[in-house]
N, C-alpha and C. Protein backbone atom coordinates (compact mmCIF):
# COMPACT_ATOMS: atom_id res chain seq x y z
N UNK A 1 0.82 -1.19 0.00
CA UNK A 1 0.00 0.00 0.00
C UNK A 1 0.85 1.24 0.00
N UNK A 2 1.94 1.15 0.63
CA UNK A 2 2.84 2.30 0.65
C UNK A 2 3.42 2.57 -0.72
N UNK A 3 3.56 1.51 -1.58
CA UNK A 3 4.06 1.70 -2.94
C UNK A 3 3.04 2.46 -3.76
N UNK A 4 1.76 2.13 -3.53
CA UNK A 4 0.69 2.80 -4.25
C UNK A 4 0.64 4.27 -3.90
N UNK A 5 0.76 4.55 -2.60
CA UNK A 5 0.70 5.95 -2.15
C UNK A 5 1.85 6.73 -2.75
N UNK A 6 3.01 6.13 -2.84
CA UNK A 6 4.16 6.81 -3.41
C UNK A 6 3.97 7.03 -4.89
N UNK A 7 3.31 6.12 -5.56
CA UNK A 7 3.11 6.24 -7.00
C UNK A 7 2.15 7.38 -7.33
N UNK A 8 1.15 7.51 -6.56
CA UNK A 8 0.14 8.53 -6.87
C UNK A 8 0.70 9.95 -6.83
N UNK A 9 1.46 10.32 -5.82
CA UNK A 9 1.99 11.68 -5.82
C UNK A 9 2.94 11.88 -6.98
N UNK A 10 3.72 10.89 -7.34
CA UNK A 10 4.64 11.07 -8.45
C UNK A 10 3.84 11.28 -9.73
N UNK A 11 2.80 10.54 -9.92
CA UNK A 11 1.98 10.66 -11.11
C UNK A 11 1.33 12.04 -11.14
N UNK A 12 0.88 12.47 -10.02
CA UNK A 12 0.28 13.82 -9.95
C UNK A 12 1.29 14.88 -10.34
N UNK A 13 2.47 14.78 -9.80
CA UNK A 13 3.51 15.75 -10.12
C UNK A 13 3.86 15.69 -11.59
N UNK A 14 3.98 14.48 -12.10
CA UNK A 14 4.29 14.34 -13.52
C UNK A 14 3.17 14.93 -14.37
N UNK A 15 1.97 14.65 -13.97
CA UNK A 15 0.82 15.17 -14.73
C UNK A 15 0.82 16.70 -14.72
N UNK A 16 1.10 17.28 -13.55
CA UNK A 16 1.15 18.74 -13.44
C UNK A 16 2.26 19.32 -14.29
N UNK A 17 3.41 18.69 -14.24
CA UNK A 17 4.54 19.17 -15.04
C UNK A 17 4.21 19.08 -16.52
N UNK A 18 3.60 18.00 -16.93
CA UNK A 18 3.24 17.82 -18.33
C UNK A 18 2.22 18.88 -18.75
N UNK A 19 1.29 19.13 -17.87
CA UNK A 19 0.26 20.14 -18.17
C UNK A 19 0.90 21.53 -18.31
N UNK A 20 1.87 21.83 -17.44
CA UNK A 20 2.57 23.12 -17.52
C UNK A 20 3.34 23.24 -18.83
N UNK A 21 3.96 22.19 -19.22
CA UNK A 21 4.72 22.18 -20.47
C UNK A 21 3.77 22.38 -21.64
N UNK A 22 2.67 21.68 -21.62
CA UNK A 22 1.69 21.81 -22.70
C UNK A 22 1.16 23.24 -22.79
N UNK A 23 0.85 23.79 -21.63
CA UNK A 23 0.35 25.18 -21.60
C UNK A 23 1.38 26.15 -22.13
N UNK A 24 2.63 25.95 -21.74
CA UNK A 24 3.71 26.82 -22.20
C UNK A 24 3.88 26.72 -23.70
N UNK A 25 3.84 25.51 -24.23
CA UNK A 25 3.96 25.32 -25.67
C UNK A 25 2.79 25.97 -26.39
N UNK A 26 1.63 25.78 -25.81
CA UNK A 26 0.44 26.36 -26.42
C UNK A 26 0.53 27.89 -26.43
N UNK A 27 1.00 28.46 -25.33
CA UNK A 27 1.14 29.92 -25.24
C UNK A 27 2.16 30.40 -26.25
N UNK A 28 3.28 29.68 -26.38
CA UNK A 28 4.32 30.09 -27.32
C UNK A 28 3.82 29.99 -28.76
N UNK A 29 3.04 28.98 -29.03
CA UNK A 29 2.53 28.84 -30.39
C UNK A 29 1.48 29.91 -30.70
N UNK A 30 0.78 30.40 -29.69
CA UNK A 30 -0.27 31.38 -29.92
C UNK A 30 0.21 32.82 -29.70
N UNK A 31 1.38 33.02 -29.22
CA UNK A 31 1.85 34.36 -28.87
C UNK A 31 1.82 35.32 -30.05
N UNK A 32 2.35 34.98 -31.21
CA UNK A 32 2.29 35.96 -32.32
C UNK A 32 0.86 36.32 -32.69
N UNK A 33 -0.02 35.32 -32.68
CA UNK A 33 -1.42 35.61 -33.02
C UNK A 33 -2.05 36.48 -31.95
N UNK A 34 -1.77 36.13 -30.67
CA UNK A 34 -2.34 36.91 -29.56
C UNK A 34 -1.87 38.36 -29.62
N UNK A 35 -0.59 38.56 -29.90
CA UNK A 35 -0.05 39.93 -29.98
C UNK A 35 -0.77 40.70 -31.08
N UNK A 36 -1.01 40.05 -32.21
CA UNK A 36 -1.72 40.71 -33.31
C UNK A 36 -3.13 41.06 -32.87
N UNK A 37 -3.78 40.11 -32.19
CA UNK A 37 -5.14 40.37 -31.71
C UNK A 37 -5.19 41.53 -30.72
N UNK A 38 -4.21 41.54 -29.79
CA UNK A 38 -4.15 42.61 -28.80
C UNK A 38 -3.91 43.94 -29.49
N UNK A 39 -2.97 43.95 -30.45
CA UNK A 39 -2.70 45.19 -31.18
C UNK A 39 -3.93 45.64 -31.96
N UNK A 40 -4.62 44.69 -32.58
CA UNK A 40 -5.82 45.02 -33.34
C UNK A 40 -6.89 45.60 -32.42
N UNK A 41 -7.07 44.95 -31.25
CA UNK A 41 -8.03 45.47 -30.28
C UNK A 41 -7.64 46.87 -29.83
N UNK A 42 -6.33 47.06 -29.60
CA UNK A 42 -5.83 48.36 -29.17
C UNK A 42 -6.05 49.41 -30.25
N UNK A 43 -5.78 49.04 -31.50
CA UNK A 43 -5.99 49.97 -32.61
C UNK A 43 -7.48 50.31 -32.74
N UNK A 44 -8.32 49.32 -32.64
CA UNK A 44 -9.76 49.56 -32.72
C UNK A 44 -10.21 50.47 -31.58
N UNK A 45 -9.69 50.27 -30.41
CA UNK A 45 -10.05 51.09 -29.26
C UNK A 45 -9.58 52.53 -29.49
N UNK A 46 -8.39 52.72 -30.03
CA UNK A 46 -7.88 54.06 -30.31
C UNK A 46 -8.75 54.73 -31.38
N UNK A 47 -9.10 53.98 -32.42
CA UNK A 47 -9.95 54.55 -33.47
C UNK A 47 -11.32 54.90 -32.92
N UNK A 48 -11.85 54.03 -32.07
CA UNK A 48 -13.15 54.32 -31.46
C UNK A 48 -13.06 55.55 -30.56
N UNK A 49 -11.96 55.66 -29.82
CA UNK A 49 -11.76 56.82 -28.93
C UNK A 49 -11.69 58.10 -29.74
N UNK A 50 -10.93 58.06 -30.84
CA UNK A 50 -10.82 59.24 -31.71
C UNK A 50 -12.19 59.61 -32.27
N UNK A 51 -12.93 58.62 -32.73
CA UNK A 51 -14.27 58.89 -33.27
C UNK A 51 -15.19 59.47 -32.20
N UNK A 52 -15.12 58.92 -30.99
CA UNK A 52 -15.96 59.41 -29.89
C UNK A 52 -15.59 60.86 -29.54
N UNK A 53 -14.28 61.11 -29.46
CA UNK A 53 -13.83 62.47 -29.12
C UNK A 53 -14.22 63.48 -30.20
N UNK A 54 -14.12 63.06 -31.46
CA UNK A 54 -14.52 63.94 -32.55
C UNK A 54 -16.01 64.25 -32.49
N UNK A 55 -16.82 63.24 -32.18
CA UNK A 55 -18.27 63.48 -32.08
C UNK A 55 -18.58 64.38 -30.88
N UNK A 56 -17.86 64.19 -29.76
CA UNK A 56 -18.06 65.07 -28.61
C UNK A 56 -17.67 66.50 -28.93
N UNK A 57 -16.54 66.67 -29.65
CA UNK A 57 -16.09 68.00 -30.05
C UNK A 57 -17.12 68.66 -30.96
N UNK A 58 -17.65 67.90 -31.88
CA UNK A 58 -18.67 68.43 -32.80
C UNK A 58 -19.91 68.86 -32.02
N UNK A 59 -20.31 68.05 -31.04
CA UNK A 59 -21.49 68.39 -30.23
C UNK A 59 -21.24 69.66 -29.42
N UNK A 60 -20.02 69.79 -28.87
CA UNK A 60 -19.70 70.99 -28.10
C UNK A 60 -19.63 72.22 -28.99
N UNK A 61 -19.13 72.05 -30.22
CA UNK A 61 -19.11 73.17 -31.17
C UNK A 61 -20.53 73.63 -31.47
N UNK A 62 -21.42 72.67 -31.70
CA UNK A 62 -22.82 73.02 -31.99
C UNK A 62 -23.44 73.74 -30.80
N UNK A 63 -23.17 73.24 -29.59
CA UNK A 63 -23.72 73.86 -28.38
C UNK A 63 -23.17 75.28 -28.22
N UNK A 64 -21.87 75.45 -28.48
CA UNK A 64 -21.25 76.77 -28.40
C UNK A 64 -21.88 77.73 -29.41
N UNK A 65 -22.05 77.27 -30.63
CA UNK A 65 -22.66 78.11 -31.67
C UNK A 65 -24.10 78.48 -31.30
N UNK A 66 -24.83 77.53 -30.72
CA UNK A 66 -26.19 77.79 -30.28
C UNK A 66 -26.20 78.86 -29.18
N UNK A 67 -25.31 78.71 -28.19
CA UNK A 67 -25.24 79.69 -27.10
C UNK A 67 -24.81 81.06 -27.61
N UNK A 68 -23.89 81.08 -28.56
CA UNK A 68 -23.43 82.34 -29.15
C UNK A 68 -24.57 83.04 -29.87
N UNK A 69 -25.34 82.28 -30.64
CA UNK A 69 -26.49 82.85 -31.35
C UNK A 69 -27.55 83.33 -30.35
N UNK A 70 -27.78 82.55 -29.30
CA UNK A 70 -28.75 82.92 -28.27
C UNK A 70 -28.34 84.21 -27.57
N UNK A 71 -27.05 84.34 -27.24
CA UNK A 71 -26.56 85.56 -26.60
C UNK A 71 -26.68 86.75 -27.54
N UNK A 72 -26.36 86.55 -28.81
CA UNK A 72 -26.47 87.63 -29.79
C UNK A 72 -27.92 88.11 -29.90
N UNK A 73 -28.86 87.16 -29.92
CA UNK A 73 -30.29 87.52 -29.95
C UNK A 73 -30.68 88.29 -28.70
N UNK A 74 -30.20 87.84 -27.53
CA UNK A 74 -30.49 88.52 -26.27
C UNK A 74 -29.95 89.96 -26.30
N UNK A 75 -28.72 90.12 -26.78
CA UNK A 75 -28.09 91.45 -26.85
C UNK A 75 -28.89 92.38 -27.77
N UNK A 76 -29.29 91.87 -28.93
CA UNK A 76 -30.06 92.69 -29.87
C UNK A 76 -31.42 93.06 -29.28
N UNK A 77 -32.07 92.08 -28.63
CA UNK A 77 -33.38 92.33 -28.03
C UNK A 77 -33.28 93.38 -26.92
N UNK A 78 -32.23 93.28 -26.10
CA UNK A 78 -32.02 94.25 -25.02
C UNK A 78 -31.78 95.65 -25.58
N UNK A 79 -30.97 95.74 -26.62
CA UNK A 79 -30.72 97.05 -27.24
C UNK A 79 -32.00 97.64 -27.80
N UNK A 80 -32.81 96.80 -28.44
CA UNK A 80 -34.07 97.26 -29.00
C UNK A 80 -35.00 97.76 -27.90
N UNK A 81 -35.07 97.03 -26.78
CA UNK A 81 -35.92 97.43 -25.66
C UNK A 81 -35.44 98.74 -25.06
N UNK A 82 -34.11 98.91 -24.94
CA UNK A 82 -33.57 100.17 -24.42
C UNK A 82 -33.93 101.34 -25.33
N UNK A 83 -33.79 101.13 -26.64
CA UNK A 83 -34.13 102.19 -27.59
C UNK A 83 -35.61 102.54 -27.49
N UNK A 84 -36.46 101.52 -27.34
CA UNK A 84 -37.90 101.78 -27.18
C UNK A 84 -38.19 102.56 -25.91
N UNK A 85 -37.50 102.20 -24.82
CA UNK A 85 -37.69 102.92 -23.56
C UNK A 85 -37.28 104.38 -23.68
N UNK A 86 -36.14 104.61 -24.32
CA UNK A 86 -35.67 105.99 -24.49
C UNK A 86 -36.62 106.76 -25.38
N UNK A 87 -37.04 106.12 -26.45
CA UNK A 87 -37.92 106.77 -27.43
C UNK A 87 -39.30 107.05 -26.85
N UNK A 88 -39.84 106.07 -26.12
CA UNK A 88 -41.22 106.19 -25.63
C UNK A 88 -41.32 106.37 -24.12
N UNK A 89 -40.19 106.61 -23.46
CA UNK A 89 -40.18 106.73 -22.01
C UNK A 89 -41.04 107.86 -21.49
N UNK A 90 -41.07 108.95 -22.22
CA UNK A 90 -41.83 110.12 -21.78
C UNK A 90 -43.29 110.05 -22.21
N UNK A 91 -43.68 108.98 -22.87
CA UNK A 91 -45.05 108.86 -23.40
C UNK A 91 -46.09 109.01 -22.30
N UNK A 92 -45.92 108.29 -21.20
CA UNK A 92 -46.89 108.34 -20.10
C UNK A 92 -46.93 109.74 -19.49
N UNK A 93 -45.76 110.33 -19.29
CA UNK A 93 -45.70 111.68 -18.71
C UNK A 93 -46.41 112.68 -19.61
N UNK A 94 -46.17 112.58 -20.91
CA UNK A 94 -46.80 113.52 -21.84
C UNK A 94 -48.31 113.31 -21.91
N UNK A 95 -48.73 112.04 -21.84
CA UNK A 95 -50.16 111.73 -21.88
C UNK A 95 -50.89 112.37 -20.70
N UNK A 96 -50.24 112.33 -19.53
CA UNK A 96 -50.86 112.91 -18.34
C UNK A 96 -50.81 114.43 -18.34
N UNK A 97 -49.96 115.01 -19.17
CA UNK A 97 -49.89 116.48 -19.28
C UNK A 97 -50.95 117.04 -20.23
N UNK A 98 -51.47 116.22 -21.08
CA UNK A 98 -52.43 116.71 -22.08
C UNK A 98 -53.67 117.37 -21.46
N UNK A 99 -54.24 116.88 -20.37
CA UNK A 99 -55.38 117.59 -19.77
C UNK A 99 -55.02 119.01 -19.31
N UNK A 100 -53.79 119.20 -18.87
CA UNK A 100 -53.36 120.55 -18.47
C UNK A 100 -53.31 121.45 -19.70
N UNK A 101 -52.81 120.92 -20.81
CA UNK A 101 -52.77 121.70 -22.07
C UNK A 101 -54.19 122.05 -22.50
N UNK A 102 -55.11 121.09 -22.39
CA UNK A 102 -56.52 121.35 -22.74
C UNK A 102 -57.08 122.49 -21.90
N UNK A 103 -56.81 122.48 -20.61
CA UNK A 103 -57.29 123.55 -19.72
C UNK A 103 -56.67 124.89 -20.09
N UNK A 104 -55.39 124.88 -20.45
CA UNK A 104 -54.74 126.15 -20.87
C UNK A 104 -55.38 126.69 -22.14
N UNK A 105 -55.70 125.82 -23.07
CA UNK A 105 -56.36 126.27 -24.31
C UNK A 105 -57.73 126.88 -24.00
N UNK A 106 -58.46 126.28 -23.07
CA UNK A 106 -59.76 126.84 -22.68
C UNK A 106 -59.59 128.20 -22.03
N UNK A 107 -58.55 128.34 -21.20
CA UNK A 107 -58.29 129.63 -20.54
C UNK A 107 -57.95 130.70 -21.57
N UNK A 108 -57.13 130.36 -22.54
CA UNK A 108 -56.76 131.31 -23.61
C UNK A 108 -58.00 131.69 -24.40
N UNK A 109 -58.84 130.70 -24.70
CA UNK A 109 -60.08 130.96 -25.43
C UNK A 109 -61.00 131.89 -24.63
N UNK A 110 -61.06 131.70 -23.31
CA UNK A 110 -61.89 132.56 -22.45
C UNK A 110 -61.36 133.98 -22.45
N UNK A 111 -60.02 134.12 -22.45
CA UNK A 111 -59.42 135.46 -22.50
C UNK A 111 -59.74 136.12 -23.83
N UNK A 112 -59.59 135.36 -24.93
CA UNK A 112 -59.87 135.91 -26.27
C UNK A 112 -61.33 136.33 -26.42
N UNK A 113 -62.24 135.60 -25.80
CA UNK A 113 -63.67 135.92 -25.88
C UNK A 113 -64.07 137.05 -24.93
N UNK A 114 -63.07 137.62 -24.23
CA UNK A 114 -63.36 138.73 -23.33
C UNK A 114 -64.09 138.30 -22.09
N UNK A 115 -63.71 137.17 -21.56
CA UNK A 115 -64.34 136.65 -20.36
C UNK A 115 -64.03 137.52 -19.14
N UNK A 116 -64.76 137.29 -18.11
CA UNK A 116 -64.59 138.01 -16.85
C UNK A 116 -63.19 137.75 -16.31
N UNK A 117 -62.49 138.81 -15.91
CA UNK A 117 -61.12 138.70 -15.44
C UNK A 117 -61.01 137.82 -14.20
N UNK A 118 -61.96 137.92 -13.29
CA UNK A 118 -61.92 137.10 -12.08
C UNK A 118 -62.09 135.61 -12.39
N UNK A 119 -62.98 135.29 -13.32
CA UNK A 119 -63.17 133.88 -13.68
C UNK A 119 -61.96 133.34 -14.43
N UNK A 120 -61.31 134.17 -15.26
CA UNK A 120 -60.09 133.75 -15.96
C UNK A 120 -58.99 133.48 -14.94
N UNK A 121 -58.84 134.40 -13.96
CA UNK A 121 -57.82 134.22 -12.91
C UNK A 121 -58.10 132.94 -12.13
N UNK A 122 -59.35 132.71 -11.80
CA UNK A 122 -59.73 131.49 -11.07
C UNK A 122 -59.39 130.24 -11.90
N UNK A 123 -59.67 130.29 -13.20
CA UNK A 123 -59.36 129.17 -14.11
C UNK A 123 -57.87 128.90 -14.18
N UNK A 124 -57.06 129.97 -14.25
CA UNK A 124 -55.60 129.81 -14.31
C UNK A 124 -55.09 129.21 -13.00
N UNK A 125 -55.65 129.66 -11.87
CA UNK A 125 -55.27 129.07 -10.57
C UNK A 125 -55.59 127.57 -10.53
N UNK A 126 -56.76 127.19 -11.06
CA UNK A 126 -57.13 125.76 -11.09
C UNK A 126 -56.14 124.96 -11.96
N UNK A 127 -55.76 125.56 -13.09
CA UNK A 127 -54.80 124.89 -13.98
C UNK A 127 -53.45 124.73 -13.27
N UNK A 128 -53.02 125.79 -12.59
CA UNK A 128 -51.74 125.74 -11.86
C UNK A 128 -51.77 124.65 -10.79
N UNK A 129 -52.85 124.58 -10.03
CA UNK A 129 -52.97 123.56 -8.99
C UNK A 129 -52.97 122.15 -9.58
N UNK A 130 -53.67 121.99 -10.70
CA UNK A 130 -53.72 120.69 -11.37
C UNK A 130 -52.32 120.28 -11.82
N UNK A 131 -51.58 121.25 -12.34
CA UNK A 131 -50.24 120.97 -12.84
C UNK A 131 -49.28 120.63 -11.69
N UNK A 132 -49.35 121.36 -10.59
CA UNK A 132 -48.46 121.07 -9.45
C UNK A 132 -48.80 119.70 -8.84
N UNK A 133 -50.08 119.32 -8.84
CA UNK A 133 -50.44 117.98 -8.35
C UNK A 133 -49.86 116.90 -9.25
N UNK A 134 -49.90 117.17 -10.56
CA UNK A 134 -49.30 116.23 -11.50
C UNK A 134 -47.80 116.08 -11.22
N UNK A 135 -47.11 117.19 -11.00
CA UNK A 135 -45.67 117.14 -10.72
C UNK A 135 -45.40 116.35 -9.43
N UNK A 136 -46.22 116.57 -8.42
CA UNK A 136 -46.05 115.82 -7.17
C UNK A 136 -46.26 114.32 -7.38
N UNK A 137 -47.19 113.97 -8.25
CA UNK A 137 -47.42 112.54 -8.54
C UNK A 137 -46.21 111.92 -9.25
N UNK A 138 -45.43 112.76 -9.91
CA UNK A 138 -44.21 112.30 -10.59
C UNK A 138 -42.98 112.46 -9.69
N UNK A 139 -43.19 112.70 -8.40
CA UNK A 139 -42.13 112.86 -7.40
C UNK A 139 -41.29 114.12 -7.63
N UNK A 140 -41.85 115.11 -8.31
CA UNK A 140 -41.16 116.39 -8.52
C UNK A 140 -41.69 117.36 -7.48
N UNK A 141 -40.74 117.92 -6.70
CA UNK A 141 -41.14 118.84 -5.63
C UNK A 141 -40.31 120.11 -5.73
N UNK A 142 -40.96 121.23 -5.42
CA UNK A 142 -40.25 122.51 -5.41
C UNK A 142 -39.38 122.59 -4.17
N UNK A 143 -38.21 123.23 -4.30
CA UNK A 143 -37.31 123.40 -3.16
C UNK A 143 -37.77 124.59 -2.32
N UNK A 144 -37.64 124.43 -1.05
CA UNK A 144 -37.89 125.54 -0.14
C UNK A 144 -36.53 126.19 0.10
N UNK A 145 -36.27 127.33 -0.54
CA UNK A 145 -34.91 127.89 -0.49
C UNK A 145 -34.79 129.16 0.35
N UNK A 146 -35.72 130.08 0.30
CA UNK A 146 -35.60 131.36 1.00
C UNK A 146 -35.52 131.13 2.51
N UNK A 147 -34.48 131.71 3.10
CA UNK A 147 -34.27 131.59 4.54
C UNK A 147 -33.41 130.40 4.93
N UNK A 148 -33.08 129.52 3.98
CA UNK A 148 -32.27 128.33 4.26
C UNK A 148 -30.77 128.67 4.19
N UNK A 149 -29.94 127.85 4.82
CA UNK A 149 -28.49 128.00 4.69
C UNK A 149 -28.12 127.71 3.24
N UNK A 150 -27.16 128.49 2.70
CA UNK A 150 -26.74 128.29 1.32
C UNK A 150 -25.98 126.97 1.19
N UNK A 151 -26.39 126.15 0.23
CA UNK A 151 -25.74 124.87 -0.06
C UNK A 151 -25.47 124.84 -1.56
N UNK A 152 -24.20 124.85 -1.93
CA UNK A 152 -23.85 124.92 -3.36
C UNK A 152 -24.25 123.66 -4.12
N UNK A 153 -24.59 122.57 -3.40
CA UNK A 153 -25.02 121.35 -4.06
C UNK A 153 -26.42 121.48 -4.65
N UNK A 154 -27.26 122.30 -4.01
CA UNK A 154 -28.64 122.41 -4.50
C UNK A 154 -29.02 123.83 -4.94
N UNK A 155 -28.24 124.82 -4.54
CA UNK A 155 -28.52 126.21 -4.93
C UNK A 155 -27.42 126.74 -5.84
N UNK A 156 -27.82 127.66 -6.69
CA UNK A 156 -26.86 128.36 -7.54
C UNK A 156 -26.95 129.84 -7.17
N UNK A 157 -25.83 130.39 -6.66
CA UNK A 157 -25.84 131.80 -6.24
C UNK A 157 -25.76 132.69 -7.47
N UNK A 158 -26.79 133.53 -7.64
CA UNK A 158 -26.81 134.48 -8.75
C UNK A 158 -26.02 135.71 -8.35
N UNK A 159 -26.20 136.14 -7.12
CA UNK A 159 -25.49 137.31 -6.61
C UNK A 159 -25.36 137.23 -5.10
N UNK A 160 -24.42 138.03 -4.58
CA UNK A 160 -24.25 138.15 -3.14
C UNK A 160 -24.79 139.53 -2.76
N UNK A 161 -25.48 139.57 -1.66
CA UNK A 161 -26.11 140.82 -1.22
C UNK A 161 -25.76 141.03 0.25
N UNK A 162 -25.44 142.28 0.62
CA UNK A 162 -25.13 142.52 2.04
C UNK A 162 -26.33 142.14 2.90
N UNK A 163 -26.08 141.32 3.90
CA UNK A 163 -27.16 140.84 4.77
C UNK A 163 -27.64 141.98 5.67
N UNK A 164 -28.98 142.13 5.81
CA UNK A 164 -29.51 143.18 6.67
C UNK A 164 -29.08 143.01 8.13
N UNK A 165 -28.93 141.75 8.58
CA UNK A 165 -28.40 141.51 9.93
C UNK A 165 -27.53 140.26 9.92
N UNK A 166 -26.76 140.06 10.99
CA UNK A 166 -25.81 138.95 11.10
C UNK A 166 -26.45 137.58 10.95
N UNK A 167 -27.69 137.41 11.37
CA UNK A 167 -28.35 136.10 11.32
C UNK A 167 -28.59 135.62 9.89
N UNK A 168 -28.55 136.55 8.93
CA UNK A 168 -28.81 136.17 7.52
C UNK A 168 -27.54 135.97 6.71
N UNK A 169 -26.39 136.05 7.34
CA UNK A 169 -25.13 135.83 6.62
C UNK A 169 -25.03 134.36 6.22
N UNK A 170 -24.70 134.11 4.94
CA UNK A 170 -24.56 132.74 4.45
C UNK A 170 -25.89 132.05 4.22
N UNK A 171 -26.97 132.82 4.30
CA UNK A 171 -28.30 132.25 4.07
C UNK A 171 -28.86 132.81 2.77
N UNK A 172 -29.88 132.10 2.24
CA UNK A 172 -30.56 132.53 1.03
C UNK A 172 -31.53 133.65 1.42
N UNK A 173 -31.32 134.86 0.83
CA UNK A 173 -32.19 136.00 1.13
C UNK A 173 -33.40 136.01 0.21
N UNK A 174 -33.15 135.69 -1.06
CA UNK A 174 -34.24 135.73 -2.04
C UNK A 174 -34.05 134.62 -3.07
N UNK A 175 -35.15 134.13 -3.64
CA UNK A 175 -35.10 133.11 -4.68
C UNK A 175 -35.50 133.75 -6.00
N UNK A 176 -34.57 133.78 -6.94
CA UNK A 176 -34.82 134.36 -8.26
C UNK A 176 -35.56 133.36 -9.14
N UNK A 177 -35.13 132.10 -9.11
CA UNK A 177 -35.76 131.05 -9.90
C UNK A 177 -35.88 129.80 -9.03
N UNK A 178 -37.09 129.32 -8.89
CA UNK A 178 -37.36 128.17 -8.01
C UNK A 178 -36.65 126.92 -8.52
N UNK A 179 -36.11 126.15 -7.57
CA UNK A 179 -35.46 124.88 -7.90
C UNK A 179 -36.39 123.72 -7.65
N UNK A 180 -36.10 122.58 -8.30
CA UNK A 180 -36.95 121.38 -8.16
C UNK A 180 -36.10 120.15 -7.92
N UNK A 181 -36.68 119.24 -7.14
CA UNK A 181 -36.05 117.95 -6.86
C UNK A 181 -36.95 116.85 -7.44
N UNK A 182 -36.31 115.76 -7.88
CA UNK A 182 -37.07 114.59 -8.31
C UNK A 182 -36.45 113.38 -7.62
N UNK A 183 -37.25 112.69 -6.83
CA UNK A 183 -36.77 111.53 -6.06
C UNK A 183 -35.51 111.87 -5.26
N UNK A 184 -35.53 112.98 -4.56
CA UNK A 184 -34.42 113.46 -3.72
C UNK A 184 -33.14 113.72 -4.51
N UNK A 185 -33.27 114.03 -5.79
CA UNK A 185 -32.14 114.40 -6.64
C UNK A 185 -32.47 115.74 -7.27
N UNK A 186 -31.47 116.60 -7.43
CA UNK A 186 -31.73 117.92 -7.99
C UNK A 186 -32.11 117.79 -9.46
N UNK A 187 -33.30 118.30 -9.78
CA UNK A 187 -33.74 118.34 -11.18
C UNK A 187 -33.31 119.67 -11.79
N UNK A 188 -33.52 120.75 -11.02
CA UNK A 188 -33.05 122.08 -11.45
C UNK A 188 -32.59 122.83 -10.21
N UNK A 189 -31.39 123.38 -10.27
CA UNK A 189 -30.85 124.14 -9.14
C UNK A 189 -31.63 125.45 -8.99
N UNK A 190 -31.87 125.82 -7.75
CA UNK A 190 -32.54 127.10 -7.47
C UNK A 190 -31.53 128.22 -7.64
N UNK A 191 -31.95 129.28 -8.32
CA UNK A 191 -31.08 130.46 -8.48
C UNK A 191 -31.46 131.43 -7.36
N UNK A 192 -30.47 131.74 -6.54
CA UNK A 192 -30.77 132.48 -5.31
C UNK A 192 -29.82 133.64 -5.09
N UNK A 193 -30.27 134.55 -4.19
CA UNK A 193 -29.45 135.65 -3.72
C UNK A 193 -28.99 135.27 -2.31
N UNK A 194 -27.68 135.36 -2.07
CA UNK A 194 -27.10 134.93 -0.80
C UNK A 194 -26.66 136.14 0.01
N UNK A 195 -26.95 136.11 1.30
CA UNK A 195 -26.51 137.19 2.20
C UNK A 195 -25.03 137.10 2.49
N UNK A 196 -24.36 138.30 2.44
CA UNK A 196 -22.91 138.36 2.61
C UNK A 196 -22.56 138.98 3.95
């Protein structure tokens, strides 16, 4: 029995060695073909990669051109809207002024027809009040300048006048032309006389 046991491991070893030799021979016989196959697969992979990258580049070019065209359209549309705003921006303001013009025409017509002087004066006062209310609705307010400290940011000194007393030095004594503000910004500087 011990002879049998000794035989089996030797046979196993021999079988393994034979199998290794066979595998090695088989690998050597197939090596040139395998190398060609590997190279072919590698070449195909490189060609596929190049084709994929080219298609991706083409897609990105199309997307870039689309975005460029879209931006150009946006820019043109924005310019057109700005031009329309500048051109028609005063439309609403002018539309709201038309009733004042209508009232002025009626007042002129009343004067031409020899209307009563008191009623004409009353009509002009109504027109003036209507117009000042319109200005207030547009955030335009008259400056209160007489008696205020002179501020060169909002007042324009037309002349300097000797102050009647010390308390009026550097203050606005008289307003020659009324100034206006719009949204807390100077629309027109007040022309004033300043005490010296």
